[in-house]
Amino acid sequence: MKRARILTLVLTLLGIQLTWLIAPAYACGCGAMVPDPSARISVADEESVLRWDGRQEQIVMRLTVNGDARHAAWIMPVPHRAGVRLGDPALFDQLAKAIQPVHRTRYHFWPENGDWPFDSHDTYGDDAPRPGSAVGVVDRQRLGPFDVARLTATDPAALGDWLHAHGFSLPARLKSALQPYVDRHWEYVAVRLAPDTAGAALHGALDPIHLTFAADAPVYPMRLSRLATRPQSLGLYVLAAHRMQTRSTIGGLPPSVVFAGRLRTHDDSSLGELAAGTPYLTALTQWFPEPARISGDHELRRAAADTPVQQVIYDDRLREIAGIPAWLLTVGGVLLLAGSAVALIVVRRSRRPVIPPPPVQPPPPVSPSAPVG
């Protein structure tokens, strides 16, 4: 079951978080999946990591799916011949731990919403051909119950022939979207997917699949995602010697860096082994509100500087002194001092002796006038 789950993960290999894969086909950032006619697959979660060491690229992906498809075929274009194996599910738990936000406490003096006396009870809630043959089967292998084929193609219609020979049909839109890869002489990884249990549907969390191929520069296939009819979100971990960035937005909103920094992993864990020689981790997210505007594949390059980035989650708290809000003590203290000053003035005035007014002096007596002679 473990292997079965991983290969279905290949469905969307380079990390576009998608929502619905609807028959007859759906394209995602990493590739295209063709389920049974009239079948449906819902992708609930998708994670991927790209490792670049200067000459070789590795991609590891994990997918969680739901739906009623009992069989599916998945095609992924790659610039050179790819090796395919199963990955370790623990890798993504280790990556999530490595980029987890830092929690810090931030104090505020004046009360805010949720602090007394503004208590609030509301809660807020907040993707080598045979001569004369258009398709060459370079190699085939079994991974668990799945059939993995590595193909070369000189004509996208030939891929349709291969699918048809294995019980699937290639939609015209997807055939046209594959033409640029054919023109650039890319190869393809094609996988036939089916559950372990007969009659069961492709469902649940799948183990990761790990692809390795030579590349002249790190690239993240996105062209097929333009066939999507719903907005797409990209979530991608990039391991390299330095901080990485995309060369352009390729029709989406500017990518956001949620983490950038050197890993201190020197153990034998899955992340430690994958990061050996490429210790700088860059975690990117990007939103594509109009997938039809996607203009090509994501090319990655070294950023101008290895500036670290880490999300910080602040726990805002009201500053208190001995359990009493500091603002209340301050305001109360000021009022108390003001009241005391007023009381002191009143008391002092009440104790000041009253000086009686000076007595009224009677007018001097008038002496009688001398007789006039």
Protein backbone atom coordinates (compact mmCIF):
# COMPACT_ATOMS: atom_id res chain seq x y z
CA MET A 1 0.00 0.00 0.00
CA LYS A 2 2.90 2.28 0.75
CA ARG A 3 4.23 2.02 -2.78
CA ALA A 4 0.82 2.32 -4.27
CA ARG A 5 0.27 5.60 -2.50
CA ILE A 6 3.59 7.08 -3.54
CA LEU A 7 3.11 6.58 -7.20
CA THR A 8 -0.24 8.21 -7.21
CA LEU A 9 1.63 11.13 -5.73
CA VAL A 10 3.34 11.40 -9.04
CA LEU A 11 0.03 12.65 -10.33
CA THR A 12 1.08 16.16 -9.65
CA LEU A 13 4.75 16.01 -9.19
CA LEU A 14 6.23 19.47 -8.90
CA GLY A 15 4.05 20.94 -6.25
CA ILE A 16 1.02 22.85 -7.57
CA GLN A 17 -1.68 22.49 -4.98
CA LEU A 18 -4.77 21.68 -6.95
CA THR A 19 -8.30 20.95 -6.04
CA TRP A 20 -10.06 18.84 -8.66
CA LEU A 21 -8.86 16.41 -11.29
CA ILE A 22 -11.82 15.74 -13.51
CA ALA A 23 -12.11 13.24 -16.33
CA PRO A 24 -11.08 12.99 -19.02
CA ALA A 25 -7.91 14.79 -17.87
CA TYR A 26 -6.49 17.54 -15.73
CA ALA A 27 -3.15 19.32 -15.93
CA CYS A 28 -1.18 20.46 -12.91
CA GLY A 29 2.16 22.17 -12.47
CA CYS A 30 4.19 19.02 -12.46
CA GLY A 31 2.43 16.94 -15.03
CA ALA A 32 -0.91 15.68 -16.25
CA MET A 33 -3.14 12.89 -15.03
CA VAL A 34 -5.69 11.06 -17.11
CA PRO A 35 -8.21 9.09 -15.00
CA ASP A 36 -10.86 6.65 -16.13
CA PRO A 37 -13.64 8.12 -18.24
CA SER A 38 -16.30 9.74 -16.03
CA ALA A 39 -14.08 9.32 -12.95
CA ARG A 40 -13.05 12.05 -10.57
CA ILE A 41 -10.08 12.62 -8.31
CA SER A 42 -9.89 15.31 -5.65
CA VAL A 43 -6.40 16.31 -4.53
CA ALA A 44 -6.66 17.47 -0.93
CA ASP A 45 -3.00 18.26 -0.33
CA GLU A 46 0.25 18.37 -2.26
CA GLU A 47 3.84 19.03 -1.21
CA SER A 48 7.08 18.90 -3.15
CA VAL A 49 10.77 19.66 -2.73
CA LEU A 50 13.27 20.42 -5.49
CA ARG A 51 16.99 19.80 -4.90
CA TRP A 52 19.61 21.34 -7.20
CA ASP A 53 23.34 20.70 -6.85
CA GLY A 54 24.51 22.48 -9.98
CA ARG A 55 24.14 19.62 -12.45
CA GLN A 56 21.43 17.29 -11.21
CA GLU A 57 17.85 17.93 -10.11
CA GLN A 58 15.80 15.84 -7.73
CA ILE A 59 12.11 16.22 -7.01
CA VAL A 60 10.28 14.52 -4.17
CA MET A 61 6.51 14.83 -3.91
CA ARG A 62 3.74 13.74 -1.59
CA LEU A 63 0.05 13.83 -2.47
CA THR A 64 -3.22 13.16 -0.67
CA VAL A 65 -6.12 12.24 -2.96
CA ASN A 66 -9.80 11.38 -2.79
CA GLY A 67 -12.13 10.27 -5.53
CA ASP A 68 -13.72 7.39 -7.35
CA ALA A 69 -11.09 6.73 -10.05
CA ARG A 70 -9.98 3.09 -10.08
CA HIS A 71 -7.24 3.60 -12.66
CA ALA A 72 -5.28 6.59 -13.90
CA ALA A 73 -2.29 7.44 -16.04
CA TRP A 74 0.11 10.25 -15.21
CA ILE A 75 2.59 11.98 -17.53
CA MET A 76 5.40 14.27 -16.40
CA PRO A 77 7.78 16.06 -18.80
CA VAL A 78 11.45 16.15 -17.75
CA PRO A 79 14.43 17.74 -19.56
CA HIS A 80 16.53 14.55 -19.43
CA ARG A 81 16.15 10.88 -18.64
CA ALA A 82 14.78 10.40 -15.12
CA GLY A 83 15.24 7.79 -12.45
CA VAL A 84 12.17 7.00 -10.37
CA ARG A 85 11.98 5.55 -6.88
CA LEU A 86 9.87 5.79 -3.76
CA GLY A 87 10.56 8.52 -1.20
CA ASP A 88 10.35 8.76 2.59
CA PRO A 89 7.12 10.28 4.01
CA ALA A 90 9.08 11.58 7.03
CA LEU A 91 10.88 14.07 4.75
CA PHE A 92 7.95 16.48 4.69
CA ASP A 93 7.42 16.34 8.43
CA GLN A 94 11.10 17.24 8.84
CA LEU A 95 10.76 20.11 6.35
CA ALA A 96 7.68 21.46 8.12
CA LYS A 97 9.59 21.42 11.39
CA ALA A 98 12.60 23.16 9.81
CA ILE A 99 10.56 26.12 8.56
CA GLN A 100 8.11 26.42 11.44
CA PRO A 101 7.55 30.03 12.56
CA VAL A 102 9.19 31.50 15.63
CA HIS A 103 6.75 32.35 18.41
CA ARG A 104 7.40 35.55 20.30
CA THR A 105 5.45 37.45 22.93
CA ARG A 106 4.63 41.07 22.18
CA TYR A 107 3.19 43.30 24.91
CA HIS A 108 0.91 46.29 24.45
CA PHE A 109 0.07 48.93 27.02
CA TRP A 110 -3.42 50.09 26.11
CA PRO A 111 -6.27 47.54 25.96
CA GLU A 112 -7.24 46.18 22.55
CA ASN A 113 -10.16 44.11 21.33
CA GLY A 114 -10.36 41.04 23.53
CA ASP A 115 -8.76 42.76 26.53
CA TRP A 116 -10.76 44.02 29.46
CA PRO A 117 -12.91 46.11 29.24
CA PHE A 118 -13.28 45.28 25.53
CA ASP A 119 -13.69 41.54 25.97
CA SER A 120 -15.01 39.83 22.85
CA HIS A 121 -16.48 36.35 22.61
CA ASP A 122 -16.42 36.31 18.80
CA THR A 123 -14.01 33.99 17.03
CA TYR A 124 -12.58 34.69 13.62
CA GLY A 125 -11.38 32.19 11.13
CA ASP A 126 -9.41 33.16 8.85
CA ASP A 127 -2.08 23.66 -3.80
CA ALA A 128 16.06 5.78 -27.16
CA PRO A 129 13.19 5.72 -29.53
CA ARG A 130 13.06 2.89 -31.97
CA PRO A 131 13.92 3.96 -35.54
CA GLY A 132 10.81 5.31 -37.21
CA SER A 133 8.86 5.33 -33.94
CA ALA A 134 7.41 8.56 -32.50
CA VAL A 135 7.42 7.10 -29.00
CA GLY A 136 10.34 5.18 -27.58
CA VAL A 137 10.06 3.20 -24.37
CA VAL A 138 13.44 3.83 -22.78
CA ASP A 139 12.76 1.80 -19.68
CA ARG A 140 9.95 0.19 -17.73
CA GLN A 141 9.90 -0.78 -14.08
CA ARG A 142 7.52 -1.90 -11.39
CA LEU A 143 7.14 0.13 -8.20
CA GLY A 144 4.72 -1.78 -6.04
CA PRO A 145 1.66 -2.51 -8.16
CA PHE A 146 2.41 0.29 -10.65
CA ASP A 147 3.89 0.28 -14.08
CA VAL A 148 6.37 3.12 -14.66
CA ALA A 149 7.59 3.87 -18.19
CA ARG A 150 10.22 6.38 -19.28
CA LEU A 151 9.43 7.60 -22.77
CA THR A 152 10.86 9.77 -25.52
CA ALA A 153 8.51 11.40 -28.01
CA THR A 154 8.82 13.37 -31.23
CA ASP A 155 5.09 13.92 -31.59
CA PRO A 156 2.53 14.61 -28.83
CA ALA A 157 0.04 12.48 -30.72
CA ALA A 158 2.37 9.55 -30.11
CA LEU A 159 1.84 9.97 -26.40
CA GLY A 160 -1.84 9.73 -27.11
CA ASP A 161 -1.23 6.47 -28.92
CA TRP A 162 0.70 5.14 -25.93
CA LEU A 163 -2.11 6.12 -23.57
CA HIS A 164 -4.71 4.61 -25.86
CA ALA A 165 -2.77 1.35 -25.93
CA HIS A 166 -3.01 1.28 -22.14
CA GLY A 167 -6.71 2.11 -21.92
CA PHE A 168 -6.65 5.92 -21.70
CA SER A 169 -7.32 8.83 -24.04
CA LEU A 170 -5.29 12.03 -24.41
CA PRO A 171 -7.46 15.19 -24.59
CA ALA A 172 -6.73 17.56 -27.47
CA ARG A 173 -5.90 20.48 -25.17
CA LEU A 174 -3.30 18.45 -23.31
CA LYS A 175 -1.84 17.24 -26.60
CA SER A 176 -1.29 20.85 -27.68
CA ALA A 177 0.20 21.78 -24.33
CA LEU A 178 2.80 19.01 -24.66
CA GLN A 179 4.07 20.29 -28.02
CA PRO A 180 6.63 22.76 -26.53
CA TYR A 181 8.23 19.90 -24.61
CA VAL A 182 8.37 17.80 -27.75
CA ASP A 183 10.02 20.71 -29.59
CA ARG A 184 12.68 20.91 -26.86
CA HIS A 185 13.29 17.15 -26.96
CA TRP A 186 12.25 16.54 -23.37
CA GLU A 187 11.41 13.07 -22.17
CA TYR A 188 8.46 11.85 -20.13
CA VAL A 189 7.74 9.76 -17.11
CA ALA A 190 4.48 7.88 -17.60
CA VAL A 191 2.86 5.95 -14.77
CA ARG A 192 -0.14 3.67 -14.69
CA LEU A 193 -1.80 4.03 -11.30
CA ALA A 194 -4.19 1.69 -9.54
CA PRO A 195 -5.05 0.87 -5.91
CA ASP A 196 -3.64 -2.22 -4.24
CA THR A 197 -7.09 -3.68 -3.61
CA ALA A 198 -9.11 -4.81 -6.61
CA GLY A 199 -12.19 -2.65 -7.13
CA ALA A 200 -10.97 0.10 -4.79
CA ALA A 201 -10.57 3.75 -5.75
CA LEU A 202 -7.44 5.87 -5.59
CA HIS A 203 -7.78 7.42 -2.16
CA GLY A 204 -5.88 8.71 0.85
CA ALA A 205 -2.40 9.97 1.69
CA LEU A 206 0.24 8.57 -0.61
CA ASP A 207 3.89 7.94 0.02
CA PRO A 208 6.24 10.28 -1.86
CA ILE A 209 7.78 9.58 -5.23
CA HIS A 210 11.38 10.62 -5.93
CA LEU A 211 12.57 11.63 -9.42
CA THR A 212 16.19 12.31 -10.37
CA PHE A 213 17.37 13.72 -13.69
CA ALA A 214 20.17 15.80 -15.18
CA ALA A 215 19.41 19.46 -15.82
CA ASP A 216 21.37 22.40 -17.17
CA ALA A 217 19.54 24.67 -14.72
CA PRO A 218 16.87 24.09 -12.06
CA VAL A 219 13.42 24.11 -13.61
CA TYR A 220 9.96 23.56 -12.25
CA PRO A 221 7.50 22.47 -15.00
CA MET A 222 4.42 24.69 -14.90
CA ARG A 223 3.27 24.94 -18.51
CA LEU A 224 0.61 22.25 -18.26
CA SER A 225 -1.02 24.08 -15.39
CA ARG A 226 -2.42 26.63 -17.81
CA LEU A 227 -5.06 24.04 -18.71
CA ALA A 228 -6.55 24.28 -15.22
CA THR A 229 -9.93 25.97 -14.94
CA ARG A 230 -9.58 26.95 -11.29
CA PRO A 231 -7.03 29.19 -9.52
CA GLN A 232 -3.85 27.35 -8.59
CA SER A 233 -1.47 27.74 -5.65
CA LEU A 234 2.14 26.69 -5.74
CA GLY A 235 4.05 25.52 -2.67
CA LEU A 236 7.66 24.53 -3.23
CA TYR A 237 10.72 23.76 -1.08
CA VAL A 238 14.04 24.39 -2.86
CA LEU A 239 17.32 22.93 -1.58
CA ALA A 240 20.49 24.43 -3.08
CA ALA A 241 23.86 25.82 -2.05
CA HIS A 242 22.35 29.32 -1.75
CA ARG A 243 19.01 31.06 -1.50
CA MET A 244 16.99 30.66 -4.70
CA GLN A 245 14.32 32.67 -6.49
CA THR A 246 12.20 32.39 -9.62
CA ARG A 247 13.31 34.30 -12.73
CA SER A 248 9.79 35.61 -13.36
CA THR A 249 6.20 35.31 -12.23
CA ILE A 250 5.18 33.37 -15.43
CA GLY A 251 1.68 34.82 -15.24
CA GLY A 252 0.99 34.53 -11.50
CA LEU A 253 1.27 36.87 -8.57
CA PRO A 254 4.82 37.55 -7.31
CA PRO A 255 6.07 34.54 -5.32
CA SER A 256 6.40 34.94 -1.56
CA VAL A 257 9.30 33.59 0.47
CA VAL A 258 8.01 32.04 3.68
CA PHE A 259 11.41 30.73 4.77
CA ALA A 260 15.04 31.09 3.75
CA GLY A 261 18.01 29.86 5.74
CA ARG A 262 20.75 27.31 6.14
CA LEU A 263 19.75 24.01 7.64
CA ARG A 264 21.71 22.63 10.56
CA THR A 265 20.79 19.06 9.69
CA HIS A 266 23.84 16.80 9.83
CA ASP A 267 22.16 13.54 10.72
CA ASP A 268 21.03 10.50 8.77
CA SER A 269 17.42 11.67 8.51
CA SER A 270 15.76 11.94 5.11
CA LEU A 271 16.14 15.72 5.13
CA GLY A 272 19.74 15.49 6.28
CA GLU A 273 20.62 13.11 3.45
CA LEU A 274 18.80 15.16 0.82
CA ALA A 275 20.29 18.45 2.05
CA ALA A 276 23.89 17.15 2.06
CA GLY A 277 25.80 19.51 -0.24
CA THR A 278 22.72 21.73 -0.67
CA PRO A 279 22.09 23.09 2.84
CA TYR A 280 20.23 26.29 1.97
CA LEU A 281 16.45 25.90 2.07
CA THR A 282 14.09 28.34 0.37
CA ALA A 283 10.34 27.82 0.78
CA LEU A 284 8.20 29.59 -1.84
CA THR A 285 4.48 30.09 -2.32
CA GLN A 286 2.70 31.60 -5.32
CA TRP A 287 -0.91 32.16 -6.37
CA PHE A 288 -2.19 31.86 -9.94
CA PRO A 289 -5.68 33.45 -10.08
CA GLU A 290 -5.87 32.91 -13.88
CA PRO A 291 -4.06 29.69 -14.87
CA ALA A 292 -4.60 30.42 -18.58
CA ARG A 293 -2.02 33.23 -18.24
CA ILE A 294 0.79 30.86 -17.23
CA SER A 295 3.44 31.46 -19.87
CA GLY A 296 5.97 28.68 -19.25
CA ASP A 297 7.99 26.74 -16.70
CA HIS A 298 9.51 28.21 -13.56
CA GLU A 299 13.25 28.69 -13.95
CA LEU A 300 15.10 29.11 -10.68
CA ARG A 301 18.27 31.12 -10.07
CA ARG A 302 20.44 32.19 -7.17
CA ALA A 303 19.15 35.18 -5.22
CA ALA A 304 21.28 38.31 -4.87
CA ALA A 305 22.03 37.53 -1.23
CA ASP A 306 21.51 34.68 1.24
CA THR A 307 19.30 36.86 3.41
CA PRO A 308 17.49 34.66 5.95
CA VAL A 309 13.71 34.81 6.23
CA GLN A 310 11.59 33.27 8.96
CA GLN A 311 7.99 33.90 9.85
CA VAL A 312 7.31 35.24 13.32
CA ILE A 313 4.01 34.64 15.10
CA TYR A 314 3.40 37.18 17.83
CA ASP A 315 1.40 36.39 20.93
CA ASP A 316 0.01 39.82 21.83
CA ARG A 317 -0.56 40.28 25.53
CA LEU A 318 -1.68 43.16 27.68
CA ARG A 319 1.13 44.30 29.95
CA GLU A 320 0.31 43.57 33.58
CA ILE A 321 1.87 44.19 36.96
CA ALA A 322 1.04 41.64 39.64
CA GLY A 323 -1.92 40.51 37.54
CA ILE A 324 -3.33 44.02 37.20
CA PRO A 325 -3.29 45.77 33.79
CA ALA A 326 -0.47 48.28 33.74
CA TRP A 327 -2.67 50.88 32.09
CA LEU A 328 -5.21 50.57 34.88
CA LEU A 329 -2.51 51.01 37.52
CA THR A 330 -1.09 53.97 35.63
CA VAL A 331 -4.40 55.69 35.02
CA GLY A 332 -5.55 54.84 38.53
CA GLY A 333 -2.28 56.12 39.96
CA VAL A 334 -2.55 59.39 38.05
CA LEU A 335 -6.13 59.84 39.18
CA LEU A 336 -5.15 58.98 42.73
CA LEU A 337 -2.30 61.48 42.68
CA ALA A 338 -4.55 64.13 41.18
CA GLY A 339 -7.22 63.46 43.79
CA SER A 340 -4.67 63.51 46.57
CA ALA A 341 -3.30 66.84 45.36
CA VAL A 342 -6.75 68.35 45.28
CA ALA A 343 -7.53 67.00 48.74
CA LEU A 344 -4.24 68.33 50.10
CA ILE A 345 -4.98 71.77 48.74
CA VAL A 346 -8.44 71.71 50.30
CA VAL A 347 -7.09 70.56 53.65
CA ARG A 348 -4.37 73.17 53.69
CA ARG A 349 -6.85 75.85 52.90
CA SER A 350 -9.18 74.63 55.63
CA ARG A 351 -6.39 74.77 58.24
CA ARG A 352 -5.12 78.23 57.33
CA PRO A 353 -6.03 80.75 60.20
CA VAL A 354 -8.60 83.34 59.36
CA ILE A 355 -7.30 86.87 59.93
CA PRO A 356 -10.12 89.11 61.18
CA PRO A 357 -10.54 92.38 59.35
CA PRO A 358 -9.12 95.49 61.09
CA PRO A 359 -11.59 97.35 63.38
CA VAL A 360 -13.35 100.32 61.91
CA GLN A 361 -11.90 103.53 63.42
CA PRO A 362 -14.49 106.16 64.42
CA PRO A 363 -14.01 109.59 62.79
CA PRO A 364 -12.14 112.19 64.93
CA PRO A 365 -14.38 114.58 66.92
CA VAL A 366 -15.03 117.97 65.35
CA SER A 367 -13.89 120.88 67.57
CA PRO A 368 -16.31 123.86 67.92
CA SER A 369 -15.55 126.83 65.69
CA ALA A 370 -14.31 130.16 67.23
CA PRO A 371 -16.81 133.08 67.06
CA VAL A 372 -16.16 135.52 64.32
CA GLY A 373 -15.70 139.19 65.72
